[in-house]
Amino acid sequence: MNLIFSKVDTVGEMTELAELAANIWREYYISIITMDQIEYMIGKFQSASAVRNQIEEQGYEYYAMREDGHTVGYLSVKEDGGKLFLSKFYVAKEHRGKGYASQAMTFLEQLCKDRGLGHIWLTVNRHNESSIGVYQKKGFRTVREQVADIGNGYVMDDYVMEKVIPVS
């Protein structure tokens, strides 16, 4: 059970992640937000063109999480003011509970150390109790709440969580 984190840089890889994202969002978030908001957010933030724009124009890095040649999830990060912003972190349903979150945190902490970044921060829907629990278990603490207007009458109602990374 050793994950490989490979940087996403081809249109084919971006398309693969967008398809995975759409499946995860439709399965996971239906208990938290409406299907209309899910479809809106997939199009705005998780489509192949949105991912490509984030990589090419906004400075995001995407990493596919692969085991035995199969993509089991992905994450997206961006350096932001001396910290690492964990923008996206998703694991397909059939691969949850296998320790991938721990391996992903090790990967992210090493990225921080390599780049001299002292924190990882993220936003998480305040009703996403299972993810909040995972982040807390991994050492993240809630630092504030935020409501962000994302257009089309929708908002993201989130906690901002942060983890200190010791940089030697």
Protein backbone atom coordinates (compact mmCIF):
# COMPACT_ATOMS: atom_id res chain seq x y z
CA MET A 1 0.00 0.00 0.00
CA ASN A 2 2.42 2.60 -1.19
CA LEU A 3 0.96 5.59 -2.96
CA ILE A 4 2.78 7.39 -5.72
CA PHE A 5 2.12 11.13 -6.00
CA SER A 6 2.65 12.20 -9.59
CA LYS A 7 2.42 15.78 -10.74
CA VAL A 8 -0.39 16.37 -13.22
CA ASP A 9 0.69 18.28 -16.30
CA THR A 10 -0.98 16.80 -19.38
CA VAL A 11 -4.48 17.52 -20.65
CA GLY A 12 -5.22 13.79 -20.46
CA GLU A 13 -4.30 13.70 -16.77
CA MET A 14 -6.36 16.83 -16.12
CA THR A 15 -9.36 15.21 -17.83
CA GLU A 16 -8.90 12.02 -15.80
CA LEU A 17 -8.89 14.00 -12.53
CA ALA A 18 -11.94 16.03 -13.59
CA GLU A 19 -13.87 12.80 -14.22
CA LEU A 20 -12.76 11.38 -10.87
CA ALA A 21 -13.71 14.65 -9.15
CA ALA A 22 -17.19 14.67 -10.67
CA ASN A 23 -17.81 11.10 -9.46
CA ILE A 24 -16.54 11.85 -5.95
CA TRP A 25 -18.50 15.08 -5.64
CA ARG A 26 -21.79 13.53 -6.77
CA GLU A 27 -21.36 10.61 -4.37
CA TYR A 28 -19.95 12.39 -1.33
CA TYR A 29 -21.39 15.90 -1.15
CA ILE A 30 -25.06 15.06 -1.77
CA SER A 31 -25.54 14.71 2.00
CA ILE A 32 -24.05 18.19 2.57
CA ILE A 33 -25.13 20.44 -0.33
CA THR A 34 -27.72 20.28 -3.11
CA MET A 35 -27.14 18.50 -6.42
CA ASP A 36 -27.57 21.85 -8.19
CA GLN A 37 -24.72 23.33 -6.15
CA ILE A 38 -22.61 20.20 -6.71
CA GLU A 39 -23.02 20.47 -10.48
CA TYR A 40 -22.25 24.20 -10.38
CA MET A 41 -19.10 23.65 -8.31
CA ILE A 42 -17.92 20.76 -10.52
CA GLY A 43 -18.17 23.01 -13.54
CA LYS A 44 -16.58 26.02 -11.89
CA PHE A 45 -13.76 24.35 -9.93
CA GLN A 46 -13.34 20.71 -11.00
CA SER A 47 -13.87 20.54 -14.77
CA ALA A 48 -10.91 19.75 -17.02
CA SER A 49 -10.84 23.37 -18.23
CA ALA A 50 -11.00 24.70 -14.65
CA VAL A 51 -8.14 22.42 -13.58
CA ARG A 52 -6.10 23.47 -16.61
CA ASN A 53 -6.70 27.15 -15.83
CA GLN A 54 -5.72 26.64 -12.19
CA ILE A 55 -2.46 24.94 -13.23
CA GLU A 56 -1.52 27.21 -16.13
CA GLU A 57 -2.80 30.59 -14.92
CA GLN A 58 -3.23 30.50 -11.13
CA GLY A 59 -0.15 28.65 -9.85
CA TYR A 60 -1.84 25.51 -8.54
CA GLU A 61 -0.12 22.14 -8.61
CA TYR A 62 -2.17 18.97 -8.92
CA TYR A 63 -0.94 15.55 -7.88
CA ALA A 64 -2.62 12.28 -8.81
CA MET A 65 -2.49 9.67 -6.07
CA ARG A 66 -1.82 6.31 -7.67
CA GLU A 67 -1.51 2.78 -6.37
CA ASP A 68 -0.64 -0.13 -8.67
CA GLY A 69 -1.22 2.09 -11.69
CA HIS A 70 -4.75 3.09 -10.60
CA THR A 71 -5.66 6.66 -9.69
CA VAL A 72 -7.28 6.47 -6.25
CA GLY A 73 -7.50 10.21 -5.55
CA TYR A 74 -5.79 13.54 -5.99
CA LEU A 75 -4.79 16.72 -4.29
CA SER A 76 -4.12 20.29 -5.33
CA VAL A 77 -1.87 22.79 -3.59
CA LYS A 78 -0.64 26.34 -4.01
CA GLU A 79 2.04 28.29 -2.18
CA ASP A 80 0.37 31.23 -0.49
CA GLY A 81 2.17 33.78 1.69
CA GLY A 82 4.77 31.39 3.11
CA LYS A 83 2.17 28.66 3.65
CA LEU A 84 0.92 25.75 1.58
CA PHE A 85 -2.77 25.99 0.69
CA LEU A 86 -4.35 22.54 0.33
CA SER A 87 -7.05 23.45 -2.16
CA LYS A 88 -8.34 19.97 -2.94
CA PHE A 89 -7.92 16.53 -1.40
CA TYR A 90 -10.18 13.74 -2.56
CA VAL A 91 -10.09 9.95 -2.41
CA ALA A 92 -12.51 7.76 -4.36
CA LYS A 93 -15.11 6.01 -2.20
CA GLU A 94 -13.76 2.49 -2.73
CA HIS A 95 -10.29 3.61 -1.60
CA ARG A 96 -11.21 5.45 1.61
CA GLY A 97 -10.10 4.04 4.94
CA LYS A 98 -6.86 2.57 3.57
CA GLY A 99 -4.44 5.03 5.16
CA TYR A 100 -4.13 7.27 2.11
CA ALA A 101 -4.79 10.43 4.16
CA SER A 102 -1.75 9.65 6.30
CA GLN A 103 0.44 9.11 3.24
CA ALA A 104 -0.90 12.32 1.68
CA MET A 105 -0.09 14.29 4.85
CA THR A 106 3.45 12.91 4.85
CA PHE A 107 3.79 13.99 1.20
CA LEU A 108 2.42 17.48 1.95
CA GLU A 109 4.62 17.95 5.02
CA GLN A 110 7.67 17.01 2.96
CA LEU A 111 6.64 19.53 0.28
CA CYS A 112 6.49 22.18 3.01
CA LYS A 113 9.90 21.23 4.40
CA ASP A 114 11.47 21.19 0.93
CA ARG A 115 10.08 24.67 0.25
CA GLY A 116 10.62 26.18 3.70
CA LEU A 117 6.88 26.60 4.34
CA GLY A 118 5.80 26.52 7.99
CA HIS A 119 2.07 25.80 7.64
CA ILE A 120 -0.52 23.92 5.63
CA TRP A 121 -3.97 25.49 5.53
CA LEU A 122 -7.28 24.47 3.98
CA THR A 123 -10.96 25.21 3.91
CA VAL A 124 -13.56 22.55 4.70
CA ASN A 125 -17.35 22.74 4.65
CA ARG A 126 -18.47 23.20 8.25
CA HIS A 127 -21.00 20.35 7.83
CA ASN A 128 -18.38 17.90 6.50
CA GLU A 129 -17.88 16.24 9.87
CA SER A 130 -15.95 13.20 8.65
CA SER A 131 -13.32 15.30 6.83
CA ILE A 132 -13.05 17.72 9.75
CA GLY A 133 -12.40 14.72 12.01
CA VAL A 134 -9.67 13.42 9.70
CA TYR A 135 -7.97 16.83 9.56
CA GLN A 136 -8.14 17.19 13.35
CA LYS A 137 -6.60 13.73 13.75
CA LYS A 138 -3.79 14.82 11.41
CA GLY A 139 -3.01 17.86 13.57
CA PHE A 140 -5.07 20.61 11.95
CA ARG A 141 -6.85 23.17 14.11
CA THR A 142 -9.72 25.46 13.16
CA VAL A 143 -8.45 29.04 13.02
CA ARG A 144 -11.56 30.82 11.73
CA GLU A 145 -14.83 30.51 9.83
CA GLN A 146 -15.53 32.00 6.44
CA VAL A 147 -18.43 32.31 4.05
CA ALA A 148 -17.38 32.85 0.43
CA ASP A 149 -19.77 33.82 -2.37
CA ILE A 150 -18.99 31.56 -5.33
CA GLY A 151 -21.64 32.94 -7.67
CA ASN A 152 -25.01 31.74 -8.95
CA GLY A 153 -26.53 32.31 -5.49
CA TYR A 154 -24.20 29.79 -3.79
CA VAL A 155 -21.77 30.21 -0.93
CA MET A 156 -19.08 28.04 0.58
CA ASP A 157 -19.68 27.94 4.34
CA ASP A 158 -16.33 26.77 5.64
CA TYR A 159 -13.92 26.38 8.49
CA VAL A 160 -10.36 27.45 7.81
CA MET A 161 -8.00 24.91 9.34
CA GLU A 162 -4.26 25.06 9.70
CA LYS A 163 -1.39 22.81 10.70
CA VAL A 164 2.04 24.01 11.78
CA ILE A 165 4.91 22.24 10.01
CA PRO A 166 8.28 22.35 11.78
CA VAL A 167 10.82 23.61 9.27
CA SER A 168 14.44 22.93 10.18
